[in-house]
Amino acid sequence: MNKNSNLQSYPRQQSYLKMLIAACFGTFLEWYDFLTFGALAVTFGPLFFPSNDPSSSLLASLATFGVGMIVRPIGAAFFGSMGDRIGRKPVFMITISIMGLATLLVGFLPTYAQIGILAPILLVSLRILQGFSAGGEIGGGAIFLAEHAGEKNRGFKTSFLQLMGPFGILASTLQITLLQGWLSAEEFQAWGWRIPFFISFLLLLLAIYFRRALEETPVFKELKTKESKTEGQLINNLRDPEIRKKMFLLFFCVSGGGAMLFFCTQVYLPIFLKTTVKLSAELVDQLSVLSTLFLVTMIIFAGWLSDRVGRKPVITTGLFLGAALIFPAFWMMKAVGTNTDNISGEGILTIGYIMFGLSFILGLLGGPQASILAELFPAKSRNSAATLPHNMAAGWVGGMLPFIIAWLNQKLGGSEGGLWYPATYLLLAAVIALIYLPESIKYDLND
């Protein structure tokens, strides 16, 4: 009998829905907390970093947001190693608690006008805690779900976790938009900005309620029966040439390529449409919501497709399409919209179709990502081997993308020159993945 048959039994399939809801809800909370901070960067500027120059205040606020991205790999190394040592579930509970409490405390922070320089110091400290916990959660959640999913349709089952990033963007953006519509500018600046952080605490209580009933993964349980003492494996991973190679492939190709496309299409693109293409903020937000909803369906489809044709063909196709089309897509959107006071309905449809096309490409990277994170590495070192490169890619490759594009645009002149950076990166990642990335669909997660 297949030793994984117990993972595919009917009772296990029934319980997987419970695992999926608990894991996804917690990961959604992590993204919601993380992105709400970024969405309020303009508000935080004068409150915590007052300056005679508004641009300086905004830059200081954005830098504070960036700190959370930078420390994510540190959290990944710490919690990833802990997950190999004490189990996946305890780490799940610790990371969600740290993120939730740090976010709640942001809502209670006094401003610079009230306590002076201590205000930005406390804000940065809480942001560091947010990034630290996100490093353990984002990636660790994929391992947890993959180890509960069994062998059959693992790509499809784990793809739902990848929806939490888009849903986090939608929830944080919609909430702040509604608050700014209900409150006056003065009210929002005075106290309204605190409401999202208080709501986060209610979400934290729900997340803990769902997660307290979680079972440890069957893979880790079996590992504990084989080895009386489980240990953190981070140093051993870096010493092992085969694991080190796969960590690089995960960092540069799978997670790096996904982060490059995510930040390019979900973070930089709306800025480009508002500032370069000159579309109204309301129209951009509407198009972004529609393209994000399409992305949701594409992620699920790509996860399902990867169960049929393999993870590698889906991922490499996404990388090659991204490399080939990212530059022309932005160029076409600029050509359609720039210097047009009243853009035609046909022009809006063209931009919408292009945004849907970019979401299609991003979905090809996102759908199989959670499953391949787990499949590339052996059980005893999986948590640390997967979470560190995944968070390095998200925090450093993706997180730095908008800044690098803007800097290259300035150096090269124009508004598209910087896009050669993601196009070149994706092409290189595609070639490396095509040659070296192993197919992992049939990998036994208990090994």
Protein backbone atom coordinates (compact mmCIF):
# COMPACT_ATOMS: atom_id res chain seq x y z
CA MET A 1 0.00 0.00 0.00
CA ASN A 2 1.19 3.53 -0.75
CA LYS A 3 2.48 4.96 2.51
CA ASN A 4 0.73 8.22 1.65
CA SER A 5 -2.66 6.60 1.17
CA ASN A 6 -3.70 7.78 4.62
CA LEU A 7 -3.24 11.35 3.38
CA GLN A 8 -5.69 10.76 0.56
CA SER A 9 -8.48 9.03 2.47
CA TYR A 10 -11.96 10.51 2.64
CA PRO A 11 -11.64 11.69 6.29
CA ARG A 12 -8.37 13.44 5.41
CA GLN A 13 -10.05 15.17 2.46
CA GLN A 14 -12.86 16.31 4.75
CA SER A 15 -10.45 17.75 7.30
CA TYR A 16 -8.37 19.48 4.63
CA LEU A 17 -11.08 22.12 4.21
CA LYS A 18 -10.67 23.04 7.88
CA MET A 19 -6.91 23.25 7.45
CA LEU A 20 -7.32 25.35 4.32
CA ILE A 21 -9.66 27.88 5.96
CA ALA A 22 -7.46 28.27 9.03
CA ALA A 23 -4.24 28.61 7.04
CA CYS A 24 -5.72 30.99 4.48
CA PHE A 25 -7.43 33.18 7.06
CA GLY A 26 -4.21 33.63 8.97
CA THR A 27 -2.18 34.33 5.83
CA PHE A 28 -4.85 36.81 4.71
CA LEU A 29 -4.45 38.60 8.05
CA GLU A 30 -0.68 38.73 7.57
CA TRP A 31 -1.10 40.33 4.12
CA TYR A 32 -3.88 42.64 5.32
CA ASP A 33 -1.75 43.93 8.19
CA PHE A 34 1.36 44.20 6.04
CA LEU A 35 -0.34 46.04 3.15
CA THR A 36 -2.52 48.34 5.27
CA PHE A 37 0.68 49.87 6.58
CA GLY A 38 1.86 50.53 3.03
CA ALA A 39 -1.51 51.96 1.95
CA LEU A 40 -1.29 54.50 4.78
CA ALA A 41 2.24 55.64 3.96
CA VAL A 42 1.02 59.05 2.77
CA THR A 43 -0.95 59.50 6.02
CA PHE A 44 1.94 58.42 8.24
CA GLY A 45 4.35 60.93 6.68
CA PRO A 46 3.19 64.13 8.43
CA LEU A 47 2.03 62.28 11.55
CA PHE A 48 5.28 60.49 12.37
CA PHE A 49 7.89 62.14 10.13
CA PRO A 50 6.95 65.84 10.01
CA SER A 51 9.07 67.94 7.67
CA ASN A 52 8.90 71.20 5.79
CA ASP A 53 9.32 69.12 2.65
CA PRO A 54 6.31 66.79 2.08
CA SER A 55 8.43 64.60 -0.21
CA SER A 56 10.87 63.95 2.63
CA SER A 57 8.03 62.93 4.95
CA LEU A 58 6.66 60.51 2.35
CA LEU A 59 10.09 59.02 1.64
CA ALA A 60 10.65 58.44 5.36
CA SER A 61 7.26 56.75 5.61
CA LEU A 62 7.94 54.56 2.56
CA ALA A 63 11.34 53.66 3.99
CA THR A 64 9.59 52.49 7.15
CA PHE A 65 7.36 50.27 4.98
CA GLY A 66 10.49 48.95 3.25
CA VAL A 67 12.08 47.99 6.57
CA GLY A 68 9.39 45.33 6.93
CA MET A 69 10.38 43.87 3.57
CA ILE A 70 14.07 43.85 4.44
CA VAL A 71 13.67 41.94 7.72
CA ARG A 72 11.39 39.28 6.25
CA PRO A 73 14.29 36.93 5.41
CA ILE A 74 15.53 37.22 8.99
CA GLY A 75 12.13 36.09 10.24
CA ALA A 76 12.12 33.33 7.65
CA ALA A 77 15.50 32.03 8.83
CA PHE A 78 14.43 32.12 12.49
CA PHE A 79 10.94 30.68 12.17
CA GLY A 80 11.83 28.32 9.33
CA SER A 81 14.47 26.67 11.48
CA MET A 82 12.02 26.61 14.39
CA GLY A 83 9.44 24.89 12.20
CA ASP A 84 11.93 22.12 11.39
CA ARG A 85 12.66 21.75 15.10
CA ILE A 86 9.34 22.02 16.98
CA GLY A 87 6.75 21.59 14.23
CA ARG A 88 4.73 23.58 11.72
CA LYS A 89 1.68 24.31 13.92
CA PRO A 90 3.43 26.05 16.87
CA VAL A 91 5.23 28.41 14.48
CA PHE A 92 1.90 29.12 12.79
CA MET A 93 0.45 30.28 16.13
CA ILE A 94 3.49 32.34 17.10
CA THR A 95 3.78 34.28 13.83
CA ILE A 96 0.10 35.20 13.65
CA SER A 97 0.16 36.42 17.25
CA ILE A 98 3.22 38.61 16.74
CA MET A 99 1.81 40.16 13.57
CA GLY A 100 -1.61 40.78 15.08
CA LEU A 101 -0.33 42.36 18.29
CA ALA A 102 2.24 44.53 16.50
CA THR A 103 -0.48 45.79 14.16
CA LEU A 104 -2.86 46.52 17.03
CA LEU A 105 -0.18 48.54 18.83
CA VAL A 106 0.31 50.71 15.72
CA GLY A 107 -3.30 51.82 16.19
CA PHE A 108 -2.51 53.03 19.71
CA LEU A 109 0.71 54.88 18.86
CA PRO A 110 0.95 58.55 19.83
CA THR A 111 2.13 60.80 17.01
CA TYR A 112 5.26 62.92 16.68
CA ALA A 113 3.32 65.97 17.88
CA GLN A 114 2.53 64.12 21.12
CA ILE A 115 5.79 62.39 22.10
CA GLY A 116 8.38 63.65 19.62
CA ILE A 117 11.13 61.45 18.19
CA LEU A 118 9.95 58.43 20.19
CA ALA A 119 6.91 58.16 17.89
CA PRO A 120 8.79 57.24 14.68
CA ILE A 121 11.15 54.99 16.68
CA LEU A 122 8.17 53.00 18.01
CA LEU A 123 6.57 52.91 14.55
CA VAL A 124 9.73 51.51 12.95
CA SER A 125 10.08 48.96 15.77
CA LEU A 126 6.56 47.68 15.25
CA ARG A 127 7.13 47.56 11.50
CA ILE A 128 10.21 45.40 12.11
CA LEU A 129 8.08 43.02 14.18
CA GLN A 130 5.53 42.86 11.37
CA GLY A 131 8.17 41.97 8.80
CA PHE A 132 9.82 39.49 11.17
CA SER A 133 6.58 37.56 11.70
CA ALA A 134 5.61 37.74 8.02
CA GLY A 135 8.87 35.98 7.19
CA GLY A 136 7.73 32.94 9.16
CA GLU A 137 4.13 32.98 8.02
CA ILE A 138 4.45 33.58 4.28
CA GLY A 139 6.06 30.42 2.99
CA GLY A 140 5.45 28.48 6.18
CA GLY A 141 1.75 28.47 5.33
CA ALA A 142 2.51 26.87 1.99
CA ILE A 143 4.52 24.11 3.67
CA PHE A 144 1.71 23.47 6.15
CA LEU A 145 -0.97 23.15 3.48
CA ALA A 146 1.15 21.09 1.10
CA GLU A 147 1.98 18.57 3.82
CA HIS A 148 -1.73 18.22 4.62
CA ALA A 149 -2.80 18.01 0.97
CA GLY A 150 -1.48 14.54 0.11
CA GLU A 151 -0.27 13.68 -3.39
CA LYS A 152 -3.46 14.03 -5.45
CA ASN A 153 -4.27 17.50 -6.83
CA ARG A 154 -1.73 19.12 -4.54
CA GLY A 155 -1.20 22.08 -6.87
CA PHE A 156 -4.92 22.84 -6.99
CA LYS A 157 -5.44 22.43 -3.24
CA THR A 158 -2.56 24.69 -2.26
CA SER A 159 -3.24 27.34 -4.92
CA PHE A 160 -5.97 28.87 -2.74
CA LEU A 161 -3.31 30.09 -0.32
CA GLN A 162 -1.86 32.23 -3.13
CA LEU A 163 -5.12 34.18 -3.30
CA MET A 164 -4.48 35.79 0.06
CA GLY A 165 -2.04 38.37 -1.34
CA PRO A 166 -4.57 39.74 -3.87
CA PHE A 167 -7.37 39.55 -1.29
CA GLY A 168 -5.18 41.40 1.22
CA ILE A 169 -4.62 44.17 -1.32
CA LEU A 170 -8.34 44.40 -2.07
CA ALA A 171 -9.38 44.41 1.59
CA SER A 172 -6.87 47.02 2.77
CA THR A 173 -7.48 49.29 -0.24
CA LEU A 174 -11.28 49.03 -0.06
CA GLN A 175 -11.36 49.63 3.67
CA ILE A 176 -9.23 52.76 3.53
CA THR A 177 -11.20 54.06 0.52
CA LEU A 178 -14.48 53.63 2.43
CA LEU A 179 -13.12 55.30 5.54
CA GLN A 180 -11.84 58.25 3.55
CA GLY A 181 -15.26 58.52 1.92
CA TRP A 182 -17.17 58.43 5.21
CA LEU A 183 -14.86 60.72 7.19
CA SER A 184 -13.63 64.19 6.44
CA ALA A 185 -9.94 64.60 5.63
CA GLU A 186 -9.40 66.15 9.05
CA GLU A 187 -11.18 63.30 10.87
CA PHE A 188 -9.27 60.63 8.97
CA GLN A 189 -5.94 62.35 9.65
CA ALA A 190 -6.80 62.86 13.34
CA TRP A 191 -8.12 59.41 14.27
CA GLY A 192 -9.67 57.57 11.32
CA TRP A 193 -6.37 56.02 10.22
CA ARG A 194 -6.32 54.02 13.48
CA ILE A 195 -9.51 52.08 12.67
CA PRO A 196 -7.91 49.51 10.29
CA PHE A 197 -5.45 48.55 13.01
CA PHE A 198 -8.23 48.02 15.56
CA ILE A 199 -10.19 45.91 13.06
CA SER A 200 -7.03 43.84 12.66
CA PHE A 201 -7.29 42.79 16.31
CA LEU A 202 -10.77 41.37 15.72
CA LEU A 203 -9.41 39.46 12.73
CA LEU A 204 -6.57 38.19 14.93
CA LEU A 205 -9.03 36.72 17.44
CA LEU A 206 -10.82 34.93 14.60
CA ALA A 207 -7.52 33.64 13.21
CA ILE A 208 -6.46 32.25 16.58
CA TYR A 209 -9.89 30.64 16.99
CA PHE A 210 -9.56 28.88 13.64
CA ARG A 211 -5.94 27.91 14.14
CA ARG A 212 -6.13 26.52 17.67
CA ALA A 213 -7.87 23.40 16.35
CA LEU A 214 -5.26 22.78 13.65
CA GLU A 215 -3.51 19.44 13.56
CA GLU A 216 0.22 19.11 13.11
CA THR A 217 1.02 17.99 9.59
CA PRO A 218 1.16 14.20 9.02
CA VAL A 219 4.58 14.65 7.43
CA PHE A 220 6.07 16.19 10.59
CA LYS A 221 4.36 13.57 12.76
CA GLU A 222 5.99 10.81 10.73
CA LEU A 223 9.31 12.61 10.91
CA LYS A 224 9.04 12.70 14.70
CA THR A 225 8.47 8.95 14.79
CA LYS A 226 11.58 8.36 12.67
CA GLU A 227 13.82 10.81 14.54
CA SER A 228 13.47 11.20 18.28
CA LYS A 229 15.04 14.65 18.12
CA THR A 230 14.32 17.06 15.28
CA GLU A 231 16.74 19.93 14.77
CA GLY A 232 16.92 23.26 12.99
CA GLN A 233 18.45 22.59 9.58
CA LEU A 234 19.35 26.01 8.20
CA ILE A 235 23.14 25.62 8.45
CA ASN A 236 22.98 22.06 7.15
CA ASN A 237 20.90 23.25 4.19
CA LEU A 238 23.53 25.79 3.21
CA ARG A 239 26.25 23.13 3.43
CA ASP A 240 24.38 20.60 1.27
CA PRO A 241 25.15 21.34 -2.44
CA GLU A 242 21.91 19.80 -3.75
CA ILE A 243 19.67 21.66 -1.29
CA ARG A 244 21.68 24.85 -1.83
CA LYS A 245 21.14 24.56 -5.59
CA LYS A 246 17.38 24.12 -5.15
CA MET A 247 17.26 27.05 -2.71
CA PHE A 248 18.85 29.22 -5.39
CA LEU A 249 16.39 27.98 -8.04
CA LEU A 250 13.50 28.73 -5.70
CA PHE A 251 14.89 32.17 -4.86
CA PHE A 252 15.81 33.31 -8.36
CA CYS A 253 13.32 31.55 -10.64
CA VAL A 254 10.14 30.52 -8.81
CA SER A 255 9.76 33.01 -5.95
CA GLY A 256 11.90 35.72 -7.54
CA GLY A 257 10.02 35.54 -10.83
CA GLY A 258 6.69 35.52 -9.01
CA ALA A 259 7.69 38.48 -6.83
CA MET A 260 8.95 40.38 -9.87
CA LEU A 261 5.63 39.96 -11.66
CA PHE A 262 3.52 40.54 -8.54
CA PHE A 263 5.13 43.85 -7.62
CA CYS A 264 5.31 44.93 -11.25
CA THR A 265 1.63 44.26 -11.99
CA GLN A 266 0.01 44.76 -8.59
CA VAL A 267 2.10 47.55 -7.06
CA TYR A 268 3.98 49.45 -9.79
CA LEU A 269 1.33 49.23 -12.53
CA PRO A 270 -1.34 51.31 -10.71
CA ILE A 271 1.31 53.98 -10.01
CA PHE A 272 2.32 53.94 -13.69
CA LEU A 273 -1.30 54.30 -14.86
CA LYS A 274 -1.96 57.24 -12.52
CA THR A 275 1.28 59.15 -13.07
CA THR A 276 2.44 58.30 -16.61
CA VAL A 277 -0.70 57.23 -18.47
CA LYS A 278 -2.64 60.00 -16.67
CA LEU A 279 -5.73 57.93 -15.87
CA SER A 280 -7.92 59.04 -12.98
CA ALA A 281 -7.29 57.34 -9.65
CA GLU A 282 -10.91 56.13 -9.57
CA LEU A 283 -10.63 54.46 -12.98
CA VAL A 284 -7.30 52.84 -12.11
CA ASP A 285 -8.75 51.46 -8.88
CA GLN A 286 -11.73 50.00 -10.74
CA LEU A 287 -9.53 48.35 -13.36
CA SER A 288 -7.20 47.05 -10.65
CA VAL A 289 -10.08 45.41 -8.78
CA LEU A 290 -11.33 43.69 -11.95
CA SER A 291 -7.88 42.47 -12.97
CA THR A 292 -7.24 41.21 -9.42
CA LEU A 293 -10.48 39.23 -9.48
CA PHE A 294 -9.37 37.71 -12.79
CA LEU A 295 -6.01 36.92 -11.19
CA VAL A 296 -7.85 34.91 -8.52
CA THR A 297 -9.38 32.61 -11.13
CA MET A 298 -6.08 32.31 -12.97
CA ILE A 299 -4.16 31.25 -9.85
CA ILE A 300 -6.63 28.44 -9.18
CA PHE A 301 -6.57 27.40 -12.83
CA ALA A 302 -2.76 27.37 -12.93
CA GLY A 303 -2.62 25.28 -9.75
CA TRP A 304 -5.03 22.78 -11.34
CA LEU A 305 -3.09 22.83 -14.62
CA SER A 306 0.19 22.13 -12.84
CA ASP A 307 -1.35 18.91 -11.48
CA ARG A 308 -2.01 17.82 -15.06
CA VAL A 309 1.11 18.89 -16.97
CA GLY A 310 3.63 19.47 -14.17
CA ARG A 311 4.90 22.44 -12.17
CA LYS A 312 7.88 23.18 -14.42
CA PRO A 313 6.02 23.75 -17.73
CA VAL A 314 3.53 26.13 -16.09
CA ILE A 315 6.20 28.13 -14.26
CA THR A 316 8.61 28.39 -17.19
CA THR A 317 5.78 29.42 -19.53
CA GLY A 318 4.88 32.22 -17.14
CA LEU A 319 8.49 33.38 -16.94
CA PHE A 320 8.98 33.42 -20.72
CA LEU A 321 5.66 35.23 -21.31
CA GLY A 322 6.55 37.79 -18.66
CA ALA A 323 9.97 38.40 -20.19
CA ALA A 324 8.50 38.83 -23.66
CA LEU A 325 5.43 40.91 -22.87
CA ILE A 326 6.10 43.09 -19.81
CA PHE A 327 7.79 45.89 -21.75
CA PRO A 328 5.36 45.98 -24.72
CA ALA A 329 2.37 45.84 -22.34
CA PHE A 330 3.43 48.98 -20.47
CA TRP A 331 4.40 50.73 -23.72
CA MET A 332 0.97 50.01 -25.24
CA MET A 333 -0.87 51.30 -22.16
CA LYS A 334 1.11 54.52 -22.30
CA ALA A 335 0.44 54.89 -26.03
CA VAL A 336 -3.30 54.45 -25.50
CA GLY A 337 -3.72 56.81 -22.56
CA THR A 338 -1.03 59.48 -22.44
CA ASN A 339 -2.02 63.06 -23.33
CA THR A 340 -5.66 62.08 -23.67
CA ASP A 341 -7.96 64.27 -21.61
CA ASN A 342 -10.99 62.06 -22.18
CA ILE A 343 -9.82 58.55 -22.96
CA SER A 344 -12.24 56.61 -25.14
CA GLY A 345 -14.13 53.55 -24.04
CA GLU A 346 -12.09 51.54 -26.53
CA GLY A 347 -8.90 52.82 -24.93
CA ILE A 348 -10.11 51.84 -21.47
CA LEU A 349 -10.99 48.36 -22.76
CA THR A 350 -7.54 48.02 -24.32
CA ILE A 351 -5.83 48.89 -21.04
CA GLY A 352 -8.18 46.51 -19.20
CA TYR A 353 -7.37 43.66 -21.58
CA ILE A 354 -3.66 44.26 -21.12
CA MET A 355 -4.06 44.22 -17.33
CA PHE A 356 -5.97 40.93 -17.63
CA GLY A 357 -3.15 39.55 -19.77
CA LEU A 358 -0.58 40.47 -17.13
CA SER A 359 -2.78 38.84 -14.47
CA PHE A 360 -2.87 35.69 -16.62
CA ILE A 361 0.95 35.59 -16.66
CA LEU A 362 1.21 36.26 -12.92
CA GLY A 363 -1.29 33.48 -12.25
CA LEU A 364 0.95 30.96 -14.02
CA LEU A 365 3.68 31.73 -11.49
CA GLY A 366 1.37 31.95 -8.49
CA GLY A 367 -0.74 28.83 -8.95
CA PRO A 368 1.97 26.13 -8.57
CA GLN A 369 4.14 28.14 -6.18
CA ALA A 370 2.83 26.86 -2.84
CA SER A 371 3.14 23.22 -3.87
CA ILE A 372 6.62 23.47 -5.36
CA LEU A 373 7.87 25.26 -2.22
CA ALA A 374 7.30 22.02 -0.32
CA GLU A 375 8.17 19.57 -3.09
CA LEU A 376 11.72 20.77 -3.71
CA PHE A 377 13.08 19.84 -0.27
CA PRO A 378 13.26 16.84 2.12
CA ALA A 379 10.88 16.78 5.08
CA LYS A 380 13.41 17.34 7.86
CA SER A 381 14.79 20.55 6.32
CA ARG A 382 11.78 21.72 4.32
CA ASN A 383 10.58 24.62 6.45
CA SER A 384 13.91 26.45 6.64
CA ALA A 385 15.04 25.50 3.12
CA ALA A 386 11.87 26.89 1.53
CA THR A 387 10.95 29.91 3.65
CA LEU A 388 14.36 31.65 3.56
CA PRO A 389 14.80 31.92 -0.25
CA HIS A 390 11.07 32.58 -0.73
CA ASN A 391 11.11 35.57 1.62
CA MET A 392 14.44 36.84 0.31
CA ALA A 393 12.86 36.94 -3.15
CA ALA A 394 9.67 38.64 -1.96
CA GLY A 395 11.46 41.12 0.28
CA TRP A 396 14.50 42.00 -1.80
CA VAL A 397 13.70 41.17 -5.42
CA GLY A 398 10.04 42.17 -5.35
CA GLY A 399 10.13 44.79 -2.63
CA MET A 400 12.90 46.76 -4.29
CA LEU A 401 11.34 46.59 -7.76
CA PRO A 402 9.35 49.89 -7.78
CA PHE A 403 12.38 51.81 -6.49
CA ILE A 404 14.77 50.24 -9.04
CA ILE A 405 12.38 50.90 -11.95
CA ALA A 406 11.91 54.53 -10.89
CA TRP A 407 15.69 54.98 -10.49
CA LEU A 408 16.40 53.46 -13.92
CA ASN A 409 13.69 55.60 -15.52
CA GLN A 410 15.42 58.66 -14.11
CA LYS A 411 18.84 57.56 -15.29
CA LEU A 412 17.75 56.37 -18.74
CA GLY A 413 15.13 59.02 -19.36
CA GLY A 414 11.48 58.36 -20.15
CA SER A 415 8.97 56.26 -18.28
CA GLU A 416 9.62 52.76 -19.65
CA GLY A 417 13.41 52.39 -19.59
CA GLY A 418 13.36 50.86 -16.13
CA LEU A 419 11.11 48.05 -17.37
CA TRP A 420 14.09 46.44 -19.08
CA TYR A 421 15.12 45.36 -15.57
CA PRO A 422 12.14 43.02 -14.91
CA ALA A 423 12.12 41.89 -18.56
CA THR A 424 15.81 40.90 -18.41
CA TYR A 425 15.43 39.29 -14.98
CA LEU A 426 12.45 37.20 -16.10
CA LEU A 427 14.23 36.06 -19.26
CA LEU A 428 17.28 34.96 -17.29
CA ALA A 429 15.07 33.22 -14.72
CA ALA A 430 13.15 31.46 -17.51
CA VAL A 431 16.31 30.10 -19.16
CA ILE A 432 17.77 28.91 -15.84
CA ALA A 433 14.45 27.28 -14.85
CA LEU A 434 14.14 25.57 -18.23
CA ILE A 435 17.60 24.03 -17.87
CA TYR A 436 17.92 23.32 -14.15
CA LEU A 437 14.53 23.39 -12.36
CA PRO A 438 13.48 19.79 -11.58
CA GLU A 439 9.92 18.55 -12.06
CA SER A 440 8.56 17.96 -8.57
CA ILE A 441 4.96 16.88 -9.10
CA LYS A 442 5.53 13.25 -8.05
CA TYR A 443 7.80 14.01 -5.12
CA ASP A 444 6.91 12.14 -1.91
CA LEU A 445 6.67 14.79 0.83
CA ASN A 446 7.48 12.21 3.51
CA ASP A 447 11.01 11.67 2.14
